[in-house]
Amino acid sequence: MTTKRAYLSLGSNLGNLEENLRRALALLESERIHVVERSSIYETEPQDVTDQPWFLNMAVACETRCFPLQLLTAVRDVERQMGRVRRIRRGPRVIDIDILLFGNNAVMDTPRLIVPHPRMLERRFVLEPLLEIAPDLVHPVTRRPLRDYLSGVKTQKLRLKRPLSP
């Protein structure tokens, strides 16, 4: 079985944020999701539920033998292992891992998973780190380079922090 490349977004705003990101990456590896590239960490203002702490966000490129729904199950398992409890939609969380893109321009829309991620083009905290590791990505539906969407989200507050230490 061949491996497929997927792009994930990781975020945390509860507890030791850097350690949460580090642990999530290690747990992804234990789920046979091999992280091949990772962005710097970005400190970002919450977007939807604004009365909560700022986030640390990053993006990763990974190789996996999983199919999209299997990858979603693995990602949810990592979130569960880290103690994520979904109480407030888009509220504070120990870890949040979203599948942004999958495979060679895969497009899917199921009740459990939509790829490409439906809100990725509206979120600077997704686009900036993703473009850091894959500057030439093209959106599989619009066929436009992802960098074209940055100007529409520049007002969202984001600060480059630094690469995640090992």
C-alpha atoms as a PDB file:
ATOM      1  CA  MET A   1       0.000   0.000   0.000  1.00  0.00           C
ATOM      2  CA  THR A   2       1.385   3.399  -0.925  1.00  0.00           C
ATOM      3  CA  THR A   3       1.680   6.310   1.409  1.00  0.00           C
ATOM      4  CA  LYS A   4      -0.265   9.496   0.930  1.00  0.00           C
ATOM      5  CA  ARG A   5       0.643  13.003   2.023  1.00  0.00           C
ATOM      6  CA  ALA A   6      -1.735  14.843   4.304  1.00  0.00           C
ATOM      7  CA  TYR A   7      -1.542  18.293   5.826  1.00  0.00           C
ATOM      8  CA  LEU A   8      -2.744  18.824   9.375  1.00  0.00           C
ATOM      9  CA  SER A   9      -3.265  21.879  11.546  1.00  0.00           C
ATOM     10  CA  LEU A  10      -2.563  21.616  15.281  1.00  0.00           C
ATOM     11  CA  GLY A  11      -3.648  24.061  17.948  1.00  0.00           C
ATOM     12  CA  SER A  12      -3.662  24.310  21.737  1.00  0.00           C
ATOM     13  CA  ASN A  13      -4.728  26.939  24.265  1.00  0.00           C
ATOM     14  CA  LEU A  14      -4.982  25.024  27.565  1.00  0.00           C
ATOM     15  CA  GLY A  15      -2.128  23.833  29.774  1.00  0.00           C
ATOM     16  CA  ASN A  16       1.493  23.745  28.604  1.00  0.00           C
ATOM     17  CA  LEU A  17       0.865  24.697  24.984  1.00  0.00           C
ATOM     18  CA  GLU A  18       4.252  23.815  23.506  1.00  0.00           C
ATOM     19  CA  GLU A  19       4.318  20.508  25.348  1.00  0.00           C
ATOM     20  CA  ASN A  20       0.805  19.763  24.054  1.00  0.00           C
ATOM     21  CA  LEU A  21       1.973  20.295  20.465  1.00  0.00           C
ATOM     22  CA  ARG A  22       5.100  18.199  21.059  1.00  0.00           C
ATOM     23  CA  ARG A  23       3.069  15.364  22.623  1.00  0.00           C
ATOM     24  CA  ALA A  24       0.498  15.439  19.808  1.00  0.00           C
ATOM     25  CA  LEU A  25       3.280  15.043  17.235  1.00  0.00           C
ATOM     26  CA  ALA A  26       4.695  12.064  19.140  1.00  0.00           C
ATOM     27  CA  LEU A  27       1.256  10.466  19.422  1.00  0.00           C
ATOM     28  CA  LEU A  28       0.631  10.949  15.696  1.00  0.00           C
ATOM     29  CA  GLU A  29       3.862   9.047  15.040  1.00  0.00           C
ATOM     30  CA  SER A  30       2.628   6.246  17.329  1.00  0.00           C
ATOM     31  CA  GLU A  31      -0.499   6.054  15.151  1.00  0.00           C
ATOM     32  CA  ARG A  32       1.759   5.439  12.111  1.00  0.00           C
ATOM     33  CA  ILE A  33       1.317   8.977  10.841  1.00  0.00           C
ATOM     34  CA  HIS A  34       4.845  10.052   9.960  1.00  0.00           C
ATOM     35  CA  VAL A  35       5.451  13.798  10.270  1.00  0.00           C
ATOM     36  CA  VAL A  36       7.819  14.806   7.475  1.00  0.00           C
ATOM     37  CA  GLU A  37       7.673  18.615   7.786  1.00  0.00           C
ATOM     38  CA  ARG A  38       6.509  20.980  10.455  1.00  0.00           C
ATOM     39  CA  SER A  39       6.037  24.713  10.557  1.00  0.00           C
ATOM     40  CA  SER A  40       7.134  27.154  13.186  1.00  0.00           C
ATOM     41  CA  ILE A  41       4.770  27.835  16.058  1.00  0.00           C
ATOM     42  CA  TYR A  42       2.426  30.795  15.727  1.00  0.00           C
ATOM     43  CA  GLU A  43       0.697  32.524  18.609  1.00  0.00           C
ATOM     44  CA  THR A  44      -2.801  33.349  17.429  1.00  0.00           C
ATOM     45  CA  GLU A  45      -5.862  35.191  18.595  1.00  0.00           C
ATOM     46  CA  PRO A  46      -9.019  33.053  18.934  1.00  0.00           C
ATOM     47  CA  GLN A  47     -11.354  33.561  15.971  1.00  0.00           C
ATOM     48  CA  ASP A  48     -14.838  32.324  16.777  1.00  0.00           C
ATOM     49  CA  VAL A  49     -15.148  32.170  20.556  1.00  0.00           C
ATOM     50  CA  THR A  50     -12.980  35.157  21.430  1.00  0.00           C
ATOM     51  CA  ASP A  51     -13.275  35.025  25.243  1.00  0.00           C
ATOM     52  CA  GLN A  52     -10.564  32.408  25.701  1.00  0.00           C
ATOM     53  CA  PRO A  53      -6.744  32.275  25.819  1.00  0.00           C
ATOM     54  CA  TRP A  54      -4.680  32.760  22.656  1.00  0.00           C
ATOM     55  CA  PHE A  55      -3.586  29.612  20.835  1.00  0.00           C
ATOM     56  CA  LEU A  56      -0.317  28.155  19.726  1.00  0.00           C
ATOM     57  CA  ASN A  57      -0.793  26.782  16.201  1.00  0.00           C
ATOM     58  CA  MET A  58       1.328  24.960  13.675  1.00  0.00           C
ATOM     59  CA  ALA A  59       0.937  22.917  10.504  1.00  0.00           C
ATOM     60  CA  VAL A  60       2.542  19.631   9.565  1.00  0.00           C
ATOM     61  CA  ALA A  61       2.935  17.572   6.435  1.00  0.00           C
ATOM     62  CA  CYS A  62       2.723  13.865   7.095  1.00  0.00           C
ATOM     63  CA  GLU A  63       2.886  10.579   5.245  1.00  0.00           C
ATOM     64  CA  THR A  64       0.304   7.923   6.023  1.00  0.00           C
ATOM     65  CA  ARG A  65      -1.048   4.673   4.717  1.00  0.00           C
ATOM     66  CA  CYS A  66      -4.458   5.596   6.153  1.00  0.00           C
ATOM     67  CA  PHE A  67      -7.453   6.487   4.069  1.00  0.00           C
ATOM     68  CA  PRO A  68      -9.067   9.828   5.011  1.00  0.00           C
ATOM     69  CA  LEU A  69     -11.630   8.454   7.489  1.00  0.00           C
ATOM     70  CA  GLN A  70      -8.975   6.225   9.067  1.00  0.00           C
ATOM     71  CA  LEU A  71      -6.767   9.288   9.457  1.00  0.00           C
ATOM     72  CA  LEU A  72      -9.659  11.138  11.094  1.00  0.00           C
ATOM     73  CA  THR A  73     -10.112   8.257  13.555  1.00  0.00           C
ATOM     74  CA  ALA A  74      -6.391   8.301  14.375  1.00  0.00           C
ATOM     75  CA  VAL A  75      -6.410  12.081  14.868  1.00  0.00           C
ATOM     76  CA  ARG A  76      -9.461  11.869  17.161  1.00  0.00           C
ATOM     77  CA  ASP A  77      -7.719   9.091  19.125  1.00  0.00           C
ATOM     78  CA  VAL A  78      -4.725  11.384  19.683  1.00  0.00           C
ATOM     79  CA  GLU A  79      -7.032  14.180  20.852  1.00  0.00           C
ATOM     80  CA  ARG A  80      -8.788  11.768  23.235  1.00  0.00           C
ATOM     81  CA  GLN A  81      -5.494  10.431  24.608  1.00  0.00           C
ATOM     82  CA  MET A  82      -4.499  14.002  25.399  1.00  0.00           C
ATOM     83  CA  GLY A  83      -7.722  14.639  27.297  1.00  0.00           C
ATOM     84  CA  ARG A  84      -9.643  16.709  24.794  1.00  0.00           C
ATOM     85  CA  VAL A  85     -13.252  17.117  25.825  1.00  0.00           C
ATOM     86  CA  ARG A  86     -15.620  18.815  23.387  1.00  0.00           C
ATOM     87  CA  ARG A  87     -17.756  21.024  25.638  1.00  0.00           C
ATOM     88  CA  ILE A  88     -17.948  24.389  23.889  1.00  0.00           C
ATOM     89  CA  ARG A  89     -17.903  24.358  20.094  1.00  0.00           C
ATOM     90  CA  ARG A  90     -14.667  26.092  19.042  1.00  0.00           C
ATOM     91  CA  GLY A  91     -13.899  26.768  22.706  1.00  0.00           C
ATOM     92  CA  PRO A  92     -10.710  26.197  24.713  1.00  0.00           C
ATOM     93  CA  ARG A  93      -8.908  22.906  24.116  1.00  0.00           C
ATOM     94  CA  VAL A  94      -5.813  20.986  25.110  1.00  0.00           C
ATOM     95  CA  ILE A  95      -5.320  19.993  21.482  1.00  0.00           C
ATOM     96  CA  ASP A  96      -7.154  20.374  18.209  1.00  0.00           C
ATOM     97  CA  ILE A  97      -5.986  18.553  15.099  1.00  0.00           C
ATOM     98  CA  ASP A  98      -7.672  19.208  11.759  1.00  0.00           C
ATOM     99  CA  ILE A  99      -7.126  17.493   8.434  1.00  0.00           C
ATOM    100  CA  LEU A 100      -6.582  20.317   5.947  1.00  0.00           C
ATOM    101  CA  LEU A 101      -5.666  18.509   2.730  1.00  0.00           C
ATOM    102  CA  PHE A 102      -5.281  14.869   1.826  1.00  0.00           C
ATOM    103  CA  GLY A 103      -3.500  12.998  -0.929  1.00  0.00           C
ATOM    104  CA  ASN A 104      -3.172  14.296  -4.424  1.00  0.00           C
ATOM    105  CA  ASN A 105      -5.927  16.928  -4.392  1.00  0.00           C
ATOM    106  CA  ALA A 106      -8.537  14.720  -2.719  1.00  0.00           C
ATOM    107  CA  VAL A 107     -11.969  16.259  -2.314  1.00  0.00           C
ATOM    108  CA  MET A 108     -14.578  14.649  -0.093  1.00  0.00           C
ATOM    109  CA  ASP A 109     -17.700  15.738   1.745  1.00  0.00           C
ATOM    110  CA  THR A 110     -19.127  13.255   4.232  1.00  0.00           C
ATOM    111  CA  PRO A 111     -21.016  13.778   7.501  1.00  0.00           C
ATOM    112  CA  ARG A 112     -17.769  12.979   9.407  1.00  0.00           C
ATOM    113  CA  LEU A 113     -15.129  14.666   7.262  1.00  0.00           C
ATOM    114  CA  ILE A 114     -14.833  17.413   4.674  1.00  0.00           C
ATOM    115  CA  VAL A 115     -11.582  17.735   2.700  1.00  0.00           C
ATOM    116  CA  PRO A 116     -10.247  20.265   1.996  1.00  0.00           C
ATOM    117  CA  HIS A 117     -11.052  21.686   5.420  1.00  0.00           C
ATOM    118  CA  PRO A 118     -14.084  23.944   4.880  1.00  0.00           C
ATOM    119  CA  ARG A 119     -12.770  26.948   6.877  1.00  0.00           C
ATOM    120  CA  MET A 120      -9.066  26.795   6.065  1.00  0.00           C
ATOM    121  CA  LEU A 121      -9.207  29.700   3.603  1.00  0.00           C
ATOM    122  CA  GLU A 122     -10.756  31.948   6.284  1.00  0.00           C
ATOM    123  CA  ARG A 123      -8.042  31.336   8.880  1.00  0.00           C
ATOM    124  CA  ARG A 124      -4.679  33.012   8.932  1.00  0.00           C
ATOM    125  CA  PHE A 125      -3.530  30.624  11.696  1.00  0.00           C
ATOM    126  CA  VAL A 126      -3.959  27.802   9.172  1.00  0.00           C
ATOM    127  CA  LEU A 127      -2.692  29.479   6.002  1.00  0.00           C
ATOM    128  CA  GLU A 128       0.507  31.076   7.360  1.00  0.00           C
ATOM    129  CA  PRO A 129       2.003  27.894   8.872  1.00  0.00           C
ATOM    130  CA  LEU A 130       0.789  25.749   5.978  1.00  0.00           C
ATOM    131  CA  LEU A 131       2.386  28.030   3.404  1.00  0.00           C
ATOM    132  CA  GLU A 132       5.591  28.066   5.445  1.00  0.00           C
ATOM    133  CA  ILE A 133       6.031  24.323   4.821  1.00  0.00           C
ATOM    134  CA  ALA A 134       4.342  24.093   1.411  1.00  0.00           C
ATOM    135  CA  PRO A 135       4.406  27.488  -0.339  1.00  0.00           C
ATOM    136  CA  ASP A 136       3.168  26.188  -3.688  1.00  0.00           C
ATOM    137  CA  LEU A 137       0.030  24.373  -2.536  1.00  0.00           C
ATOM    138  CA  VAL A 138      -3.070  24.833  -4.656  1.00  0.00           C
ATOM    139  CA  HIS A 139      -6.607  24.516  -3.310  1.00  0.00           C
ATOM    140  CA  PRO A 140      -8.089  21.362  -4.877  1.00  0.00           C
ATOM    141  CA  VAL A 141     -11.545  22.901  -5.417  1.00  0.00           C
ATOM    142  CA  THR A 142     -10.802  26.476  -6.499  1.00  0.00           C
ATOM    143  CA  ARG A 143      -7.505  25.525  -8.201  1.00  0.00           C
ATOM    144  CA  ARG A 144      -6.010  28.781  -6.912  1.00  0.00           C
ATOM    145  CA  PRO A 145      -2.703  28.938  -5.012  1.00  0.00           C
ATOM    146  CA  LEU A 146      -3.319  29.063  -1.270  1.00  0.00           C
ATOM    147  CA  ARG A 147      -1.093  32.139  -0.991  1.00  0.00           C
ATOM    148  CA  ASP A 148      -3.783  34.061  -2.947  1.00  0.00           C
ATOM    149  CA  TYR A 149      -6.059  33.809   0.109  1.00  0.00           C
ATOM    150  CA  LEU A 150      -3.664  35.381   2.619  1.00  0.00           C
ATOM    151  CA  SER A 151      -4.657  38.959   1.836  1.00  0.00           C
ATOM    152  CA  GLY A 152      -8.223  38.195   2.939  1.00  0.00           C
ATOM    153  CA  VAL A 153      -7.138  37.145   6.448  1.00  0.00           C
ATOM    154  CA  LYS A 154      -4.273  39.571   7.169  1.00  0.00           C
ATOM    155  CA  THR A 155      -6.302  41.421   9.825  1.00  0.00           C
ATOM    156  CA  GLN A 156      -6.424  38.302  12.037  1.00  0.00           C
ATOM    157  CA  LYS A 157      -3.814  38.643  14.790  1.00  0.00           C
ATOM    158  CA  LEU A 158      -0.925  36.219  14.595  1.00  0.00           C
ATOM    159  CA  ARG A 159       2.673  36.304  15.838  1.00  0.00           C
ATOM    160  CA  LEU A 160       5.461  34.023  14.688  1.00  0.00           C
ATOM    161  CA  LYS A 161       6.891  32.478  17.793  1.00  0.00           C
ATOM    162  CA  ARG A 162       9.676  30.093  16.756  1.00  0.00           C
ATOM    163  CA  PRO A 163      10.253  26.534  15.645  1.00  0.00           C
ATOM    164  CA  LEU A 164       9.061  23.921  18.130  1.00  0.00           C
ATOM    165  CA  SER A 165      12.049  22.616  20.061  1.00  0.00           C
ATOM    166  CA  PRO A 166      12.525  18.829  20.060  1.00  0.00           C
END
